[in-house]
C-alpha atoms as a PDB file:
ATOM      1  CA  UNK A   1      17.920  -6.407   6.614  1.00  0.00           C
ATOM      2  CA  UNK A   2      19.279  -3.893   9.100  1.00  0.00           C
ATOM      3  CA  UNK A   3      16.838  -1.178   9.944  1.00  0.00           C
ATOM      4  CA  UNK A   4      17.122   2.018  11.949  1.00  0.00           C
ATOM      5  CA  UNK A   5      15.006   5.132  12.014  1.00  0.00           C
ATOM      6  CA  UNK A   6      17.428   7.312  10.034  1.00  0.00           C
ATOM      7  CA  UNK A   7      17.663   4.637   7.344  1.00  0.00           C
ATOM      8  CA  UNK A   8      13.869   4.310   7.139  1.00  0.00           C
ATOM      9  CA  UNK A   9      13.326   8.076   7.116  1.00  0.00           C
ATOM     10  CA  UNK A  10      15.690   8.327   4.155  1.00  0.00           C
ATOM     11  CA  UNK A  11      13.697   5.527   2.491  1.00  0.00           C
ATOM     12  CA  UNK A  12      10.547   7.610   2.792  1.00  0.00           C
ATOM     13  CA  UNK A  13      12.381  10.284   0.813  1.00  0.00           C
ATOM     14  CA  UNK A  14      13.411   7.634  -1.724  1.00  0.00           C
ATOM     15  CA  UNK A  15       9.782   6.515  -2.121  1.00  0.00           C
ATOM     16  CA  UNK A  16       8.743  10.127  -2.738  1.00  0.00           C
ATOM     17  CA  UNK A  17      10.808  10.113  -5.936  1.00  0.00           C
ATOM     18  CA  UNK A  18       8.278   7.751  -7.551  1.00  0.00           C
ATOM     19  CA  UNK A  19       4.949   8.749  -9.060  1.00  0.00           C
ATOM     20  CA  UNK A  20       3.087   5.691  -7.749  1.00  0.00           C
ATOM     21  CA  UNK A  21       4.025   3.892  -4.528  1.00  0.00           C
ATOM     22  CA  UNK A  22       2.333   0.516  -4.068  1.00  0.00           C
ATOM     23  CA  UNK A  23       2.329  -0.575  -0.418  1.00  0.00           C
ATOM     24  CA  UNK A  24       1.670  -4.161   0.570  1.00  0.00           C
ATOM     25  CA  UNK A  25       1.634  -6.037   3.839  1.00  0.00           C
ATOM     26  CA  UNK A  26      -0.375  -7.947   6.386  1.00  0.00           C
ATOM     27  CA  UNK A  27      -2.915  -5.929   8.440  1.00  0.00           C
ATOM     28  CA  UNK A  28      -1.029  -3.995  11.113  1.00  0.00           C
ATOM     29  CA  UNK A  29       2.218  -3.832   9.122  1.00  0.00           C
ATOM     30  CA  UNK A  30       2.208  -0.031   8.790  1.00  0.00           C
ATOM     31  CA  UNK A  31       0.796   0.510   5.295  1.00  0.00           C
ATOM     32  CA  UNK A  32      -1.667   3.203   6.321  1.00  0.00           C
ATOM     33  CA  UNK A  33       0.958   4.890   8.513  1.00  0.00           C
ATOM     34  CA  UNK A  34       3.454   5.108   5.658  1.00  0.00           C
ATOM     35  CA  UNK A  35       0.754   6.222   3.209  1.00  0.00           C
ATOM     36  CA  UNK A  36      -0.314   8.990   5.600  1.00  0.00           C
ATOM     37  CA  UNK A  37       3.308  10.165   5.898  1.00  0.00           C
ATOM     38  CA  UNK A  38       3.707  10.320   2.120  1.00  0.00           C
ATOM     39  CA  UNK A  39       0.414  12.201   1.813  1.00  0.00           C
ATOM     40  CA  UNK A  40       1.199  14.670   4.598  1.00  0.00           C
ATOM     41  CA  UNK A  41       4.837  15.365   3.782  1.00  0.00           C
ATOM     42  CA  UNK A  42       4.978  14.885   0.008  1.00  0.00           C
ATOM     43  CA  UNK A  43       1.437  15.580  -1.245  1.00  0.00           C
ATOM     44  CA  UNK A  44       0.644  12.044  -2.377  1.00  0.00           C
ATOM     45  CA  UNK A  45      -2.971  11.066  -3.005  1.00  0.00           C
ATOM     46  CA  UNK A  46      -3.592   8.284  -0.456  1.00  0.00           C
ATOM     47  CA  UNK A  47      -5.842   5.498  -1.732  1.00  0.00           C
ATOM     48  CA  UNK A  48      -6.818   2.173  -0.203  1.00  0.00           C
ATOM     49  CA  UNK A  49      -9.731  -0.202  -0.493  1.00  0.00           C
ATOM     50  CA  UNK A  50     -10.359   0.054   3.261  1.00  0.00           C
ATOM     51  CA  UNK A  51     -11.452   3.675   2.791  1.00  0.00           C
ATOM     52  CA  UNK A  52     -14.603   2.341   1.136  1.00  0.00           C
ATOM     53  CA  UNK A  53     -15.571   0.393   4.267  1.00  0.00           C
ATOM     54  CA  UNK A  54     -15.590   3.330   6.673  1.00  0.00           C
ATOM     55  CA  UNK A  55     -19.056   4.639   7.465  1.00  0.00           C
ATOM     56  CA  UNK A  56     -19.607   7.391  10.029  1.00  0.00           C
ATOM     57  CA  UNK A  57     -16.045   6.915  11.265  1.00  0.00           C
ATOM     58  CA  UNK A  58     -16.414   3.161  11.861  1.00  0.00           C
ATOM     59  CA  UNK A  59     -14.784   0.411   9.801  1.00  0.00           C
ATOM     60  CA  UNK A  60     -17.429  -2.022   8.535  1.00  0.00           C
ATOM     61  CA  UNK A  61     -16.031  -4.626   6.166  1.00  0.00           C
ATOM     62  CA  UNK A  62     -18.420  -6.000   3.548  1.00  0.00           C
ATOM     63  CA  UNK A  63     -16.951  -8.893   1.520  1.00  0.00           C
ATOM     64  CA  UNK A  64     -19.516  -8.323  -1.239  1.00  0.00           C
ATOM     65  CA  UNK A  65     -17.958  -4.884  -1.920  1.00  0.00           C
ATOM     66  CA  UNK A  66     -14.261  -5.874  -2.056  1.00  0.00           C
ATOM     67  CA  UNK A  67     -14.038  -6.084  -5.852  1.00  0.00           C
ATOM     68  CA  UNK A  68     -15.799  -2.728  -6.227  1.00  0.00           C
ATOM     69  CA  UNK A  69     -13.508  -1.083  -3.676  1.00  0.00           C
ATOM     70  CA  UNK A  70     -10.402  -2.289  -5.523  1.00  0.00           C
ATOM     71  CA  UNK A  71     -11.849  -1.179  -8.872  1.00  0.00           C
ATOM     72  CA  UNK A  72     -12.472   2.313  -7.504  1.00  0.00           C
ATOM     73  CA  UNK A  73      -8.901   2.462  -6.176  1.00  0.00           C
ATOM     74  CA  UNK A  74      -7.528   1.468  -9.604  1.00  0.00           C
ATOM     75  CA  UNK A  75      -9.762   4.012 -11.353  1.00  0.00           C
ATOM     76  CA  UNK A  76      -8.770   6.783  -8.958  1.00  0.00           C
ATOM     77  CA  UNK A  77      -5.085   5.828  -9.265  1.00  0.00           C
ATOM     78  CA  UNK A  78      -5.217   6.184 -13.040  1.00  0.00           C
ATOM     79  CA  UNK A  79      -7.109   9.491 -12.875  1.00  0.00           C
ATOM     80  CA  UNK A  80      -4.684  10.985 -10.347  1.00  0.00           C
ATOM     81  CA  UNK A  81      -1.600   9.820 -12.253  1.00  0.00           C
ATOM     82  CA  UNK A  82      -2.973  11.154 -15.533  1.00  0.00           C
ATOM     83  CA  UNK A  83      -3.593  14.485 -13.780  1.00  0.00           C
ATOM     84  CA  UNK A  84       0.082  14.625 -12.805  1.00  0.00           C
ATOM     85  CA  UNK A  85      -0.421  13.748  -9.130  1.00  0.00           C
ATOM     86  CA  UNK A  86       1.642  11.325  -7.070  1.00  0.00           C
ATOM     87  CA  UNK A  87      -0.274   8.365  -5.623  1.00  0.00           C
ATOM     88  CA  UNK A  88       0.300   5.935  -2.760  1.00  0.00           C
ATOM     89  CA  UNK A  89      -1.895   2.811  -2.725  1.00  0.00           C
ATOM     90  CA  UNK A  90      -2.013   0.926   0.585  1.00  0.00           C
ATOM     91  CA  UNK A  91      -3.666  -2.496   0.370  1.00  0.00           C
ATOM     92  CA  UNK A  92      -2.646  -5.931   1.606  1.00  0.00           C
ATOM     93  CA  UNK A  93      -1.826  -7.108  -1.953  1.00  0.00           C
ATOM     94  CA  UNK A  94      -1.169 -10.619  -0.623  1.00  0.00           C
ATOM     95  CA  UNK A  95      -1.499 -12.108  -4.104  1.00  0.00           C
ATOM     96  CA  UNK A  96       0.091 -10.407  -7.090  1.00  0.00           C
ATOM     97  CA  UNK A  97      -3.156 -10.226  -9.058  1.00  0.00           C
ATOM     98  CA  UNK A  98      -4.566  -8.016  -6.288  1.00  0.00           C
ATOM     99  CA  UNK A  99      -2.315  -5.160  -7.396  1.00  0.00           C
ATOM    100  CA  UNK A 100      -2.441  -5.831 -11.138  1.00  0.00           C
ATOM    101  CA  UNK A 101      -4.963  -3.054 -11.877  1.00  0.00           C
ATOM    102  CA  UNK A 102      -2.897  -0.457  -9.984  1.00  0.00           C
ATOM    103  CA  UNK A 103       0.285  -1.574 -11.772  1.00  0.00           C
ATOM    104  CA  UNK A 104      -1.629  -1.381 -15.048  1.00  0.00           C
ATOM    105  CA  UNK A 105      -2.836   2.131 -14.212  1.00  0.00           C
ATOM    106  CA  UNK A 106       0.727   3.338 -13.560  1.00  0.00           C
ATOM    107  CA  UNK A 107       1.951   1.723 -16.780  1.00  0.00           C
ATOM    108  CA  UNK A 108      -0.957   3.116 -18.788  1.00  0.00           C
ATOM    109  CA  UNK A 109      -0.242   6.596 -17.443  1.00  0.00           C
ATOM    110  CA  UNK A 110       3.458   6.133 -18.219  1.00  0.00           C
ATOM    111  CA  UNK A 111       4.446   6.938 -14.624  1.00  0.00           C
ATOM    112  CA  UNK A 112       7.172   5.511 -12.416  1.00  0.00           C
ATOM    113  CA  UNK A 113       6.283   3.148  -9.595  1.00  0.00           C
ATOM    114  CA  UNK A 114       7.841   1.290  -6.717  1.00  0.00           C
ATOM    115  CA  UNK A 115       6.698  -1.431  -4.340  1.00  0.00           C
ATOM    116  CA  UNK A 116       7.106  -1.371  -0.580  1.00  0.00           C
ATOM    117  CA  UNK A 117       6.561  -4.382   1.666  1.00  0.00           C
ATOM    118  CA  UNK A 118       5.566  -3.038   5.063  1.00  0.00           C
ATOM    119  CA  UNK A 119       6.747  -5.290   7.879  1.00  0.00           C
ATOM    120  CA  UNK A 120       5.747  -3.591  11.116  1.00  0.00           C
ATOM    121  CA  UNK A 121       3.796  -5.395  13.829  1.00  0.00           C
ATOM    122  CA  UNK A 122       1.112  -2.995  15.015  1.00  0.00           C
ATOM    123  CA  UNK A 123      -2.379  -3.847  16.259  1.00  0.00           C
ATOM    124  CA  UNK A 124      -4.691  -3.636  13.257  1.00  0.00           C
ATOM    125  CA  UNK A 125      -8.048  -1.903  13.193  1.00  0.00           C
ATOM    126  CA  UNK A 126      -9.931  -4.645  11.354  1.00  0.00           C
ATOM    127  CA  UNK A 127     -10.737  -7.054  14.173  1.00  0.00           C
ATOM    128  CA  UNK A 128      -9.462 -10.030  12.184  1.00  0.00           C
ATOM    129  CA  UNK A 129      -8.881 -13.362  13.901  1.00  0.00           C
ATOM    130  CA  UNK A 130      -5.267 -14.523  14.088  1.00  0.00           C
ATOM    131  CA  UNK A 131      -6.225 -17.456  11.832  1.00  0.00           C
ATOM    132  CA  UNK A 132      -7.116 -14.977   9.061  1.00  0.00           C
ATOM    133  CA  UNK A 133      -3.750 -13.220   9.424  1.00  0.00           C
ATOM    134  CA  UNK A 134      -1.970 -16.589   9.379  1.00  0.00           C
ATOM    135  CA  UNK A 135      -3.847 -17.535   6.217  1.00  0.00           C
ATOM    136  CA  UNK A 136      -2.764 -14.272   4.567  1.00  0.00           C
ATOM    137  CA  UNK A 137       0.850 -14.986   5.473  1.00  0.00           C
ATOM    138  CA  UNK A 138       0.628 -18.479   3.982  1.00  0.00           C
ATOM    139  CA  UNK A 139      -0.768 -17.102   0.688  1.00  0.00           C
ATOM    140  CA  UNK A 140       1.843 -14.316   0.400  1.00  0.00           C
ATOM    141  CA  UNK A 141       3.342 -14.094  -3.097  1.00  0.00           C
ATOM    142  CA  UNK A 142       6.758 -12.590  -3.681  1.00  0.00           C
ATOM    143  CA  UNK A 143       7.189  -9.885  -6.267  1.00  0.00           C
ATOM    144  CA  UNK A 144       8.595 -11.055  -9.598  1.00  0.00           C
ATOM    145  CA  UNK A 145      12.254 -10.359 -10.373  1.00  0.00           C
ATOM    146  CA  UNK A 146      11.310  -7.607 -12.854  1.00  0.00           C
ATOM    147  CA  UNK A 147      10.480  -5.395  -9.850  1.00  0.00           C
ATOM    148  CA  UNK A 148      13.690  -6.037  -7.875  1.00  0.00           C
ATOM    149  CA  UNK A 149      15.135  -2.615  -8.672  1.00  0.00           C
ATOM    150  CA  UNK A 150      12.086  -0.786  -7.355  1.00  0.00           C
ATOM    151  CA  UNK A 151      11.183  -2.944  -4.358  1.00  0.00           C
ATOM    152  CA  UNK A 152      11.843  -1.989  -0.749  1.00  0.00           C
ATOM    153  CA  UNK A 153      11.094  -3.206   2.764  1.00  0.00           C
ATOM    154  CA  UNK A 154       9.879  -0.879   5.494  1.00  0.00           C
ATOM    155  CA  UNK A 155       9.068  -1.087   9.205  1.00  0.00           C
ATOM    156  CA  UNK A 156       6.792   1.793  10.211  1.00  0.00           C
ATOM    157  CA  UNK A 157       7.586   1.160  13.873  1.00  0.00           C
ATOM    158  CA  UNK A 158      11.064   2.558  13.286  1.00  0.00           C
ATOM    159  CA  UNK A 159       9.733   6.035  12.476  1.00  0.00           C
ATOM    160  CA  UNK A 160       7.096   6.596  15.134  1.00  0.00           C
END
């Protein structure tokens, strides 16, 4: 896919037309960057499980809280969509089931959604070993064909 900054900036505008934007990608791919842009420039509510692992400004991952963090994101997605807000959810979503609750929330609220695979290559803030990133890549599941019309690719590096 050809990518240049003008093309990707116009894609950000295209994403803003949806009520719920589901971002997915490996750590460091630009999910949080794109989510922050949608929040700042288009008023989206920015949600991600990682927000629940930040304490006093420091990221402290706790594997025992992952399921709870994702449940809170799904709950908050549904509440925001039902209140008429636009939502961007930025999580790795390596496996399709990992985004099922967010997809269900958008469907339950009767709101439009799109999926964006972020493909940048930035240093990530999580301190993960390269073997963990490689494992995520090997487990990556493609979106089903039913989402082809609302699926996009994005490289955050092209806009910064």
